[in-house]
PDB file of N, CA and C in Angstrom:
ATOM      1  N   MET A   1      99.364  60.219  -3.579  1.00  0.00           N
ATOM      2  CA  MET A   1      99.475  60.924  -4.835  1.00  0.00           C
ATOM      3  C   MET A   1      98.251  60.692  -5.715  1.00  0.00           C
ATOM      4  N   SER A   2      97.773  59.463  -5.768  1.00  0.00           N
ATOM      5  CA  SER A   2      96.633  59.204  -6.635  1.00  0.00           C
ATOM      6  C   SER A   2      95.384  59.917  -6.135  1.00  0.00           C
ATOM      7  N   LEU A   3      95.262  60.124  -4.839  1.00  0.00           N
ATOM      8  CA  LEU A   3      94.127  60.851  -4.289  1.00  0.00           C
ATOM      9  C   LEU A   3      94.182  62.308  -4.729  1.00  0.00           C
ATOM     10  N   CYS A   4      95.354  62.905  -4.698  1.00  0.00           N
ATOM     11  CA  CYS A   4      95.500  64.294  -5.115  1.00  0.00           C
ATOM     12  C   CYS A   4      95.280  64.458  -6.613  1.00  0.00           C
ATOM     13  N   GLY A   5      95.633  63.451  -7.410  1.00  0.00           N
ATOM     14  CA  GLY A   5      95.473  63.537  -8.850  1.00  0.00           C
ATOM     15  C   GLY A   5      94.011  63.626  -9.247  1.00  0.00           C
ATOM     16  N   GLY A   6      93.121  62.997  -8.500  1.00  0.00           N
ATOM     17  CA  GLY A   6      91.703  63.039  -8.818  1.00  0.00           C
ATOM     18  C   GLY A   6      91.065  64.359  -8.476  1.00  0.00           C
ATOM     19  N   LEU A   7      91.720  65.188  -7.671  1.00  0.00           N
ATOM     20  CA  LEU A   7      91.156  66.463  -7.264  1.00  0.00           C
ATOM     21  C   LEU A   7      91.496  67.597  -8.220  1.00  0.00           C
ATOM     22  N   GLN A   8      92.457  67.391  -9.094  1.00  0.00           N
ATOM     23  CA  GLN A   8      92.849  68.453 -10.019  1.00  0.00           C
ATOM     24  C   GLN A   8      91.821  68.556 -11.152  1.00  0.00           C
ATOM     25  N   PRO A   9      91.399  69.777 -11.473  1.00  0.00           N
ATOM     26  CA  PRO A   9      90.439  69.938 -12.561  1.00  0.00           C
ATOM     27  C   PRO A   9      91.045  69.549 -13.903  1.00  0.00           C
ATOM     28  N   GLY A  10      90.267  68.902 -14.734  1.00  0.00           N
ATOM     29  CA  GLY A  10      90.734  68.528 -16.065  1.00  0.00           C
ATOM     30  C   GLY A  10      91.402  67.175 -16.128  1.00  0.00           C
ATOM     31  N   LEU A  11      91.807  66.618 -15.004  1.00  0.00           N
ATOM     32  CA  LEU A  11      92.464  65.323 -15.022  1.00  0.00           C
ATOM     33  C   LEU A  11      91.496  64.169 -14.772  1.00  0.00           C
ATOM     34  N   SER A  12      90.378  64.458 -14.153  1.00  0.00           N
ATOM     35  CA  SER A  12      89.418  63.381 -13.909  1.00  0.00           C
ATOM     36  C   SER A  12      88.686  63.073 -15.211  1.00  0.00           C
ATOM     37  N   SER A  13      88.432  61.807 -15.458  1.00  0.00           N
ATOM     38  CA  SER A  13      87.781  61.431 -16.711  1.00  0.00           C
ATOM     39  C   SER A  13      86.270  61.558 -16.574  1.00  0.00           C
ATOM     40  N   ALA A  14      85.653  62.079 -17.600  1.00  0.00           N
ATOM     41  CA  ALA A  14      84.195  62.219 -17.613  1.00  0.00           C
ATOM     42  C   ALA A  14      83.572  60.869 -17.962  1.00  0.00           C
ATOM     43  N   ALA A  15      82.327  60.698 -17.597  1.00  0.00           N
ATOM     44  CA  ALA A  15      81.624  59.460 -17.920  1.00  0.00           C
ATOM     45  C   ALA A  15      81.462  59.363 -19.441  1.00  0.00           C
ATOM     46  N   PRO A  16      81.774  58.198 -20.019  1.00  0.00           N
ATOM     47  CA  PRO A  16      81.639  58.054 -21.471  1.00  0.00           C
ATOM     48  C   PRO A  16      80.166  58.089 -21.890  1.00  0.00           C
ATOM     49  N   ASP A  17      79.930  58.453 -23.143  1.00  0.00           N
ATOM     50  CA  ASP A  17      78.561  58.447 -23.662  1.00  0.00           C
ATOM     51  C   ASP A  17      78.020  57.031 -23.610  1.00  0.00           C
ATOM     52  N   ALA A  18      76.745  56.917 -23.410  1.00  0.00           N
ATOM     53  CA  ALA A  18      76.117  55.597 -23.354  1.00  0.00           C
ATOM     54  C   ALA A  18      76.191  54.941 -24.730  1.00  0.00           C
ATOM     55  N   LEU A  19      76.718  53.740 -24.780  1.00  0.00           N
ATOM     56  CA  LEU A  19      76.838  53.000 -26.032  1.00  0.00           C
ATOM     57  C   LEU A  19      75.682  52.009 -26.146  1.00  0.00           C
ATOM     58  N   PRO A  20      75.264  51.674 -27.348  1.00  0.00           N
ATOM     59  CA  PRO A  20      74.167  50.715 -27.499  1.00  0.00           C
ATOM     60  C   PRO A  20      74.625  49.302 -27.142  1.00  0.00           C
ATOM     61  N   ASN A  21      73.697  48.493 -26.699  1.00  0.00           N
ATOM     62  CA  ASN A  21      73.987  47.086 -26.448  1.00  0.00           C
ATOM     63  C   ASN A  21      73.942  46.351 -27.774  1.00  0.00           C
ATOM     64  N   ILE A  22      74.964  45.550 -28.040  1.00  0.00           N
ATOM     65  CA  ILE A  22      75.022  44.800 -29.290  1.00  0.00           C
ATOM     66  C   ILE A  22      75.061  43.322 -28.957  1.00  0.00           C
ATOM     67  N   LEU A  23      74.164  42.567 -29.577  1.00  0.00           N
ATOM     68  CA  LEU A  23      74.093  41.125 -29.389  1.00  0.00           C
ATOM     69  C   LEU A  23      74.143  40.479 -30.762  1.00  0.00           C
ATOM     70  N   MET A  24      75.180  39.665 -30.995  1.00  0.00           N
ATOM     71  CA  MET A  24      75.295  38.958 -32.258  1.00  0.00           C
ATOM     72  C   MET A  24      75.049  37.486 -31.995  1.00  0.00           C
ATOM     73  N   ILE A  25      74.109  36.905 -32.729  1.00  0.00           N
ATOM     74  CA  ILE A  25      73.788  35.495 -32.565  1.00  0.00           C
ATOM     75  C   ILE A  25      74.227  34.766 -33.822  1.00  0.00           C
ATOM     76  N   ALA A  26      75.089  33.782 -33.665  1.00  0.00           N
ATOM     77  CA  ALA A  26      75.507  32.932 -34.782  1.00  0.00           C
ATOM     78  C   ALA A  26      74.898  31.556 -34.547  1.00  0.00           C
ATOM     79  N   VAL A  27      74.081  31.107 -35.495  1.00  0.00           N
ATOM     80  CA  VAL A  27      73.347  29.857 -35.341  1.00  0.00           C
ATOM     81  C   VAL A  27      73.710  28.913 -36.473  1.00  0.00           C
ATOM     82  N   ASP A  28      73.913  27.652 -36.133  1.00  0.00           N
ATOM     83  CA  ASP A  28      74.218  26.628 -37.112  1.00  0.00           C
ATOM     84  C   ASP A  28      72.952  26.300 -37.915  1.00  0.00           C
ATOM     85  N   ASN A  29      73.067  26.266 -39.216  1.00  0.00           N
ATOM     86  CA  ASN A  29      71.983  25.887 -40.136  1.00  0.00           C
ATOM     87  C   ASN A  29      70.794  26.829 -40.124  1.00  0.00           C
ATOM     88  N   LEU A  30      70.975  28.079 -39.830  1.00  0.00           N
ATOM     89  CA  LEU A  30      69.892  29.061 -39.944  1.00  0.00           C
ATOM     90  C   LEU A  30      69.994  29.655 -41.347  1.00  0.00           C
ATOM     91  N   THR A  31      69.085  29.276 -42.217  1.00  0.00           N
ATOM     92  CA  THR A  31      69.166  29.643 -43.629  1.00  0.00           C
ATOM     93  C   THR A  31      68.123  30.688 -43.996  1.00  0.00           C
ATOM     94  N   THR A  32      68.101  31.037 -45.261  1.00  0.00           N
ATOM     95  CA  THR A  32      67.123  32.015 -45.735  1.00  0.00           C
ATOM     96  C   THR A  32      65.709  31.464 -45.713  1.00  0.00           C
ATOM     97  N   GLY A  33      65.547  30.154 -45.553  1.00  0.00           N
ATOM     98  CA  GLY A  33      64.220  29.559 -45.468  1.00  0.00           C
ATOM     99  C   GLY A  33      63.714  29.472 -44.046  1.00  0.00           C
ATOM    100  N   SER A  34      64.406  30.068 -43.110  1.00  0.00           N
ATOM    101  CA  SER A  34      63.998  29.981 -41.707  1.00  0.00           C
ATOM    102  C   SER A  34      62.925  31.021 -41.396  1.00  0.00           C
ATOM    103  N   ALA A  35      62.307  30.861 -40.253  1.00  0.00           N
ATOM    104  CA  ALA A  35      61.204  31.756 -39.868  1.00  0.00           C
ATOM    105  C   ALA A  35      61.660  33.200 -39.727  1.00  0.00           C
ATOM    106  N   THR A  36      62.889  33.422 -39.312  1.00  0.00           N
ATOM    107  CA  THR A  36      63.356  34.796 -39.129  1.00  0.00           C
ATOM    108  C   THR A  36      63.543  35.518 -40.459  1.00  0.00           C
ATOM    109  N   SER A  37      63.559  34.757 -41.556  1.00  0.00           N
ATOM    110  CA  SER A  37      63.701  35.365 -42.883  1.00  0.00           C
ATOM    111  C   SER A  37      62.375  35.474 -43.613  1.00  0.00           C
ATOM    112  N   GLY A  38      61.274  35.233 -42.917  1.00  0.00           N
ATOM    113  CA  GLY A  38      59.968  35.383 -43.535  1.00  0.00           C
ATOM    114  C   GLY A  38      59.322  34.087 -43.982  1.00  0.00           C
ATOM    115  N   SER A  39      59.934  32.956 -43.678  1.00  0.00           N
ATOM    116  CA  SER A  39      59.351  31.670 -44.039  1.00  0.00           C
ATOM    117  C   SER A  39      58.155  31.366 -43.143  1.00  0.00           C
ATOM    118  N   ILE A  40      57.334  30.409 -43.544  1.00  0.00           N
ATOM    119  CA  ILE A  40      56.182  30.044 -42.717  1.00  0.00           C
ATOM    120  C   ILE A  40      56.565  29.067 -41.611  1.00  0.00           C
ATOM    121  N   THR A  41      57.809  28.614 -41.604  1.00  0.00           N
ATOM    122  CA  THR A  41      58.290  27.714 -40.558  1.00  0.00           C
ATOM    123  C   THR A  41      58.250  28.419 -39.202  1.00  0.00           C
ATOM    124  N   LYS A  42      57.905  27.697 -38.169  1.00  0.00           N
ATOM    125  CA  LYS A  42      57.859  28.287 -36.826  1.00  0.00           C
ATOM    126  C   LYS A  42      59.271  28.450 -36.272  1.00  0.00           C
ATOM    127  N   CYS A  43      59.449  29.483 -35.518  1.00  0.00           N
ATOM    128  CA  CYS A  43      60.720  29.787 -34.874  1.00  0.00           C
ATOM    129  C   CYS A  43      60.426  30.076 -33.405  1.00  0.00           C
ATOM    130  N   PRO A  44      61.370  29.808 -32.503  1.00  0.00           N
ATOM    131  CA  PRO A  44      61.116  30.112 -31.087  1.00  0.00           C
ATOM    132  C   PRO A  44      60.699  31.566 -30.889  1.00  0.00           C
ATOM    133  N   PRO A  45      59.711  31.831 -30.017  1.00  0.00           N
ATOM    134  CA  PRO A  45      59.183  33.198 -29.841  1.00  0.00           C
ATOM    135  C   PRO A  45      60.242  34.225 -29.448  1.00  0.00           C
ATOM    136  N   LYS A  46      61.197  33.834 -28.630  1.00  0.00           N
ATOM    137  CA  LYS A  46      62.220  34.805 -28.208  1.00  0.00           C
ATOM    138  C   LYS A  46      63.117  35.198 -29.371  1.00  0.00           C
ATOM    139  N   ILE A  47      63.418  34.259 -30.248  1.00  0.00           N
ATOM    140  CA  ILE A  47      64.215  34.585 -31.438  1.00  0.00           C
ATOM    141  C   ILE A  47      63.409  35.513 -32.354  1.00  0.00           C
ATOM    142  N   ASP A  48      62.101  35.245 -32.486  1.00  0.00           N
ATOM    143  CA  ASP A  48      61.244  36.133 -33.281  1.00  0.00           C
ATOM    144  C   ASP A  48      61.247  37.552 -32.726  1.00  0.00           C
ATOM    145  N   ARG A  49      61.173  37.692 -31.403  1.00  0.00           N
ATOM    146  CA  ARG A  49      61.171  39.026 -30.781  1.00  0.00           C
ATOM    147  C   ARG A  49      62.495  39.738 -30.998  1.00  0.00           C
ATOM    148  N   LEU A  50      63.615  39.012 -30.834  1.00  0.00           N
ATOM    149  CA  LEU A  50      64.926  39.621 -31.069  1.00  0.00           C
ATOM    150  C   LEU A  50      65.060  40.072 -32.523  1.00  0.00           C
ATOM    151  N   THR A  51      64.603  39.248 -33.438  1.00  0.00           N
ATOM    152  CA  THR A  51      64.692  39.583 -34.853  1.00  0.00           C
ATOM    153  C   THR A  51      63.832  40.794 -35.192  1.00  0.00           C
ATOM    154  N   ALA A  52      62.635  40.857 -34.622  1.00  0.00           N
ATOM    155  CA  ALA A  52      61.721  41.961 -34.924  1.00  0.00           C
ATOM    156  C   ALA A  52      62.232  43.295 -34.410  1.00  0.00           C
ATOM    157  N   SER A  53      62.957  43.286 -33.302  1.00  0.00           N
ATOM    158  CA  SER A  53      63.416  44.550 -32.721  1.00  0.00           C
ATOM    159  C   SER A  53      64.866  44.868 -33.060  1.00  0.00           C
ATOM    160  N   GLY A  54      65.501  44.020 -33.860  1.00  0.00           N
ATOM    161  CA  GLY A  54      66.906  44.235 -34.160  1.00  0.00           C
ATOM    162  C   GLY A  54      67.152  44.608 -35.610  1.00  0.00           C
ATOM    163  N   VAL A  55      68.396  44.464 -36.027  1.00  0.00           N
ATOM    164  CA  VAL A  55      68.810  44.763 -37.390  1.00  0.00           C
ATOM    165  C   VAL A  55      69.126  43.448 -38.079  1.00  0.00           C
ATOM    166  N   SER A  56      68.624  43.281 -39.269  1.00  0.00           N
ATOM    167  CA  SER A  56      68.879  42.062 -40.033  1.00  0.00           C
ATOM    168  C   SER A  56      69.693  42.420 -41.261  1.00  0.00           C
ATOM    169  N   PHE A  57      70.828  41.769 -41.433  1.00  0.00           N
ATOM    170  CA  PHE A  57      71.695  42.010 -42.585  1.00  0.00           C
ATOM    171  C   PHE A  57      71.344  40.984 -43.654  1.00  0.00           C
ATOM    172  N   ARG A  58      70.691  41.418 -44.719  1.00  0.00           N
ATOM    173  CA  ARG A  58      70.194  40.496 -45.738  1.00  0.00           C
ATOM    174  C   ARG A  58      71.127  40.363 -46.939  1.00  0.00           C
ATOM    175  N   HIS A  59      72.028  41.281 -47.133  1.00  0.00           N
ATOM    176  CA  HIS A  59      72.939  41.223 -48.272  1.00  0.00           C
ATOM    177  C   HIS A  59      74.369  41.207 -47.749  1.00  0.00           C
ATOM    178  N   THR A  60      74.783  40.058 -47.261  1.00  0.00           N
ATOM    179  CA  THR A  60      76.135  39.926 -46.715  1.00  0.00           C
ATOM    180  C   THR A  60      76.906  38.904 -47.533  1.00  0.00           C
ATOM    181  N   TYR A  61      78.199  38.985 -47.491  1.00  0.00           N
ATOM    182  CA  TYR A  61      79.053  38.093 -48.257  1.00  0.00           C
ATOM    183  C   TYR A  61      80.136  37.536 -47.346  1.00  0.00           C
ATOM    184  N   ALA A  62      80.485  36.270 -47.563  1.00  0.00           N
ATOM    185  CA  ALA A  62      81.547  35.623 -46.793  1.00  0.00           C
ATOM    186  C   ALA A  62      82.784  35.487 -47.683  1.00  0.00           C
ATOM    187  N   PRO A  63      83.954  35.853 -47.177  1.00  0.00           N
ATOM    188  CA  PRO A  63      85.168  35.766 -47.986  1.00  0.00           C
ATOM    189  C   PRO A  63      85.729  34.353 -48.075  1.00  0.00           C
ATOM    190  N   SER A  64      84.998  33.372 -47.571  1.00  0.00           N
ATOM    191  CA  SER A  64      85.457  31.981 -47.616  1.00  0.00           C
ATOM    192  C   SER A  64      84.257  31.077 -47.889  1.00  0.00           C
ATOM    193  N   ALA A  65      84.527  29.800 -48.010  1.00  0.00           N
ATOM    194  CA  ALA A  65      83.451  28.838 -48.272  1.00  0.00           C
ATOM    195  C   ALA A  65      82.451  28.829 -47.119  1.00  0.00           C
ATOM    196  N   THR A  66      81.168  28.827 -47.447  1.00  0.00           N
ATOM    197  CA  THR A  66      80.152  28.800 -46.395  1.00  0.00           C
ATOM    198  C   THR A  66      79.421  27.460 -46.347  1.00  0.00           C
ATOM    199  N   CYS A  67      79.698  26.572 -47.278  1.00  0.00           N
ATOM    200  CA  CYS A  67      79.041  25.265 -47.309  1.00  0.00           C
ATOM    201  C   CYS A  67      80.001  24.250 -46.702  1.00  0.00           C
ATOM    202  N   ASN A  68      79.572  23.630 -45.622  1.00  0.00           N
ATOM    203  CA  ASN A  68      80.404  22.607 -44.993  1.00  0.00           C
ATOM    204  C   ASN A  68      79.513  21.621 -44.253  1.00  0.00           C
ATOM    205  N   ALA A  69      80.069  20.483 -43.932  1.00  0.00           N
ATOM    206  CA  ALA A  69      79.310  19.461 -43.196  1.00  0.00           C
ATOM    207  C   ALA A  69      79.099  19.948 -41.765  1.00  0.00           C
ATOM    208  N   THR A  70      77.866  19.896 -41.292  1.00  0.00           N
ATOM    209  CA  THR A  70      77.593  20.373 -39.942  1.00  0.00           C
ATOM    210  C   THR A  70      77.496  19.244 -38.936  1.00  0.00           C
ATOM    211  N   ARG A  71      77.356  18.027 -39.432  1.00  0.00           N
ATOM    212  CA  ARG A  71      77.295  16.877 -38.528  1.00  0.00           C
ATOM    213  C   ARG A  71      78.133  15.750 -39.091  1.00  0.00           C
ATOM    214  N   ALA A  72      78.783  15.013 -38.227  1.00  0.00           N
ATOM    215  CA  ALA A  72      79.626  13.906 -38.670  1.00  0.00           C
ATOM    216  C   ALA A  72      78.758  12.736 -39.115  1.00  0.00           C
ATOM    217  N   ALA A  73      79.117  12.121 -40.214  1.00  0.00           N
ATOM    218  CA  ALA A  73      78.387  10.937 -40.692  1.00  0.00           C
ATOM    219  C   ALA A  73      78.828   9.721 -39.875  1.00  0.00           C
ATOM    220  N   PRO A  74      77.897   8.804 -39.575  1.00  0.00           N
ATOM    221  CA  PRO A  74      78.274   7.612 -38.784  1.00  0.00           C
ATOM    222  C   PRO A  74      79.153   6.662 -39.550  1.00  0.00           C
TER     223      PRO A  74
END
């Protein structure tokens, strides 16, 4: 039955439109003073390339606290 279903016109699915590749990178302690934000600090070359060819969201807001301890104190 499934073989016959694929032969009927209109029932076979067409190939979907090509969607863009999306890569989201979340990095600990990457601040506005980092190289990807225009600072003079050096940043790894691959991150620089990704940033240069991608989209940067500069005016974003977090609905919760964004300041927290990133490393445990001894």
